[in-house]
Protein backbone atom coordinates (compact mmCIF):
# COMPACT_ATOMS: atom_id res chain seq x y z
CA MET A 1 234.59 -65.36 -2.78
CA ILE A 2 234.42 -67.07 -6.12
CA GLY A 3 233.63 -70.81 -5.92
CA THR A 4 233.48 -73.00 -2.83
CA TRP A 5 235.89 -74.85 -0.52
CA ARG A 6 235.92 -77.72 -3.02
CA TRP A 7 238.16 -75.74 -5.31
CA ASN A 8 240.69 -75.44 -2.43
CA LEU A 9 240.44 -79.19 -1.86
CA VAL A 10 240.87 -80.06 -5.54
CA MET A 11 243.86 -77.74 -5.89
CA GLY A 12 245.44 -79.28 -2.77
CA LEU A 13 244.94 -82.79 -4.11
CA VAL A 14 246.41 -81.85 -7.48
CA GLY A 15 249.46 -80.38 -5.76
CA ALA A 16 249.91 -83.47 -3.57
CA ALA A 17 249.45 -85.84 -6.50
CA LEU A 18 252.03 -83.97 -8.61
CA THR A 19 254.51 -83.99 -5.74
CA MET A 20 254.00 -87.74 -5.31
CA LEU A 21 254.43 -88.42 -9.00
CA PHE A 22 257.68 -86.44 -9.27
CA SER A 23 259.27 -87.90 -6.08
CA ILE A 24 258.01 -91.48 -6.13
CA GLY A 25 261.20 -93.12 -7.28
CA LYS A 26 263.71 -90.73 -5.71
CA ASN A 27 262.60 -90.54 -2.07
CA PRO A 28 261.57 -93.04 0.60
CA LEU A 29 257.89 -93.45 1.29
CA ASP A 30 257.78 -91.40 4.53
CA VAL A 31 259.61 -88.39 2.90
CA MET A 32 257.40 -88.59 -0.13
CA LEU A 33 254.18 -88.56 2.01
CA LEU A 34 255.48 -85.74 4.20
CA ARG A 35 256.31 -83.58 1.18
CA SER A 36 252.97 -84.36 -0.41
CA LEU A 37 251.24 -83.20 2.82
CA TYR A 38 253.22 -79.99 2.68
CA ALA A 39 252.32 -79.54 -0.98
CA PHE A 40 248.63 -80.16 -0.16
CA ILE A 41 248.67 -77.45 2.50
CA ALA A 42 250.59 -74.99 0.23
CA PHE A 43 248.21 -75.57 -2.72
CA VAL A 44 245.12 -75.13 -0.47
CA VAL A 45 246.47 -71.80 0.76
CA LEU A 46 247.38 -70.72 -2.81
CA ALA A 47 243.89 -71.66 -4.06
CA PHE A 48 242.34 -69.65 -1.18
CA ILE A 49 244.46 -66.62 -2.04
CA LEU A 50 243.71 -67.00 -5.76
CA ARG A 51 239.92 -67.21 -5.13
CA ALA A 52 240.08 -64.12 -2.89
CA ALA A 53 242.05 -62.17 -5.52
CA ILE A 54 239.61 -63.12 -8.28
CA SER A 55 236.62 -62.13 -6.19
CA ILE A 56 238.20 -58.68 -5.48
CA ILE A 57 239.10 -58.18 -9.14
CA LEU A 58 235.66 -59.17 -10.41
CA GLN A 59 233.71 -57.20 -7.81
CA PRO A 60 231.99 -54.11 -9.24
CA PRO A 61 233.16 -50.80 -7.86
CA ALA A 62 231.25 -49.57 -4.82
CA MET A 63 229.51 -46.22 -5.10
CA ASN A 64 228.91 -43.79 -2.26
CA ALA A 65 225.34 -44.09 -0.99
CA GLY A 66 224.89 -40.31 -0.68
CA SER A 67 226.01 -39.50 -4.21
CA GLU A 68 224.05 -42.47 -5.57
CA LEU A 69 220.78 -41.13 -4.05
CA ALA A 70 221.39 -37.63 -5.34
CA GLN A 71 222.19 -38.98 -8.79
CA ALA A 72 219.07 -41.14 -8.83
CA ALA A 73 216.93 -38.18 -7.81
CA SER A 74 218.36 -35.96 -10.55
CA GLU A 75 217.89 -38.67 -13.20
CA GLU A 76 214.51 -39.84 -12.05
CA GLY A 77 212.64 -38.89 -15.22
CA LYS A 78 215.37 -39.72 -17.67
CA GLY A 79 214.79 -42.72 -19.88
CA THR A 80 211.25 -43.38 -18.85
CA ALA A 81 209.44 -41.84 -21.80
CA LEU A 82 210.18 -42.06 -25.52
CA ASP A 83 208.87 -39.18 -27.60
CA LEU A 84 209.00 -39.91 -31.32
CA TYR A 85 207.78 -37.40 -33.84
CA THR A 86 207.20 -38.08 -37.54
CA PRO A 87 206.86 -34.97 -39.65
CA ASP A 88 203.65 -34.64 -41.63
CA GLU A 89 204.31 -35.70 -45.22
CA GLY A 90 200.70 -35.74 -46.33
CA ASP A 91 201.20 -32.91 -48.87
CA ASP A 92 204.12 -34.61 -50.55
CA ILE A 93 202.28 -37.88 -50.77
CA ASN A 94 199.23 -36.18 -52.25
CA GLN A 95 201.38 -34.51 -54.88
CA LEU A 96 202.96 -37.87 -55.82
CA LEU A 97 199.61 -39.52 -56.09
CA LYS A 98 198.25 -36.74 -58.25
CA ALA A 99 201.24 -36.92 -60.57
CA GLN A 100 200.76 -40.69 -60.92
CA LEU A 101 197.06 -40.25 -61.50
CA GLU A 102 197.63 -37.66 -64.19
CA GLU A 103 200.23 -39.81 -65.85
CA GLY A 104 197.90 -42.80 -65.79
CA SER A 105 195.05 -40.84 -67.30
CA ARG A 106 197.13 -39.79 -70.32
CA PRO A 107 196.74 -41.76 -73.49
CA ALA A 108 199.25 -44.55 -74.04
CA ALA A 109 200.74 -42.79 -77.06
CA GLU A 110 201.75 -39.75 -74.97
CA ARG A 111 203.28 -41.92 -72.30
CA THR A 112 205.32 -43.91 -74.82
CA GLU A 113 206.49 -40.66 -76.46
CA LYS A 114 207.59 -39.39 -73.10
CA VAL A 115 209.48 -42.64 -72.41
CA ASP A 116 211.06 -42.53 -75.83
CA LEU A 117 212.18 -38.96 -75.27
CA GLU A 118 213.74 -39.89 -71.91
CA GLN A 119 215.55 -42.83 -73.50
CA GLN A 120 216.90 -40.63 -76.27
CA GLN A 121 218.16 -38.08 -73.75
CA ALA A 122 219.84 -40.85 -71.78
CA ALA A 123 221.42 -42.25 -74.99
CA GLU A 124 222.76 -38.79 -75.88
CA GLN A 125 224.33 -38.43 -72.44
CA PHE A 126 225.98 -41.89 -72.59
CA ARG A 127 229.57 -42.01 -73.87
CA PRO A 128 231.46 -45.29 -73.81
CA LEU A 129 234.90 -45.40 -72.27
CA ASN A 130 237.86 -45.14 -74.61
CA PRO A 131 240.78 -46.66 -72.68
CA PRO A 132 244.23 -46.22 -74.16
CA GLN A 133 245.23 -49.15 -76.30
CA LEU A 134 248.15 -51.28 -75.17
CA VAL A 135 251.16 -51.19 -77.46
CA SER A 136 251.79 -54.49 -79.11
CA THR A 137 255.32 -56.00 -79.15
CA GLU A 138 255.03 -57.73 -82.49
CA ASN A 139 257.47 -55.51 -84.42
CA LYS A 140 259.81 -54.62 -81.59
CA ASP A 141 263.53 -55.46 -81.69
CA PRO A 142 264.28 -58.50 -79.42
CA GLU A 143 267.26 -56.72 -77.94
CA GLN A 144 265.10 -53.78 -76.81
CA LEU A 145 262.64 -56.26 -75.18
CA VAL A 146 265.45 -58.04 -73.38
CA LYS A 147 266.86 -54.66 -72.11
CA ALA A 148 263.35 -53.65 -70.89
CA ILE A 149 262.92 -56.96 -69.07
CA ARG A 150 266.35 -56.72 -67.47
CA HIS A 151 265.64 -53.13 -66.44
CA LEU A 152 262.31 -54.15 -64.81
CA THR A 153 263.80 -57.15 -63.01
CA GLY A 154 266.85 -55.28 -61.84
CA GLY A 155 269.20 -57.70 -63.59
């Protein structure tokens, strides 16, 4: 069960207190106390049933012991070892290092010429956008503009 007997007691006291508050001015003292006692008992029983239902709902599903043992035996080695493999990239790294070493050993003039050539090629490939120009309304007839606005606004 979820919780302890104190929850039942608290729920019973809350039910009794509410019953007293709602009937304090309408009933005589003995009727009010008797109904509060009945409310206490009813709320204790309801709290017990609620706690039982919650414990059943939150309980994890039970598995069969036989199927659980068979499943554990078949999956005994699964998940116990992690085998990671990284491919050997030594050749690629060596080629990159050699290319950088050769580029570094060239004279500065050759390197700048190569950079200039790359920049020129990039500049040749670049073409700025030419978006269509918006038509200006400076020389338009005001009546045509009013008709266009009325047409767009549905008026």
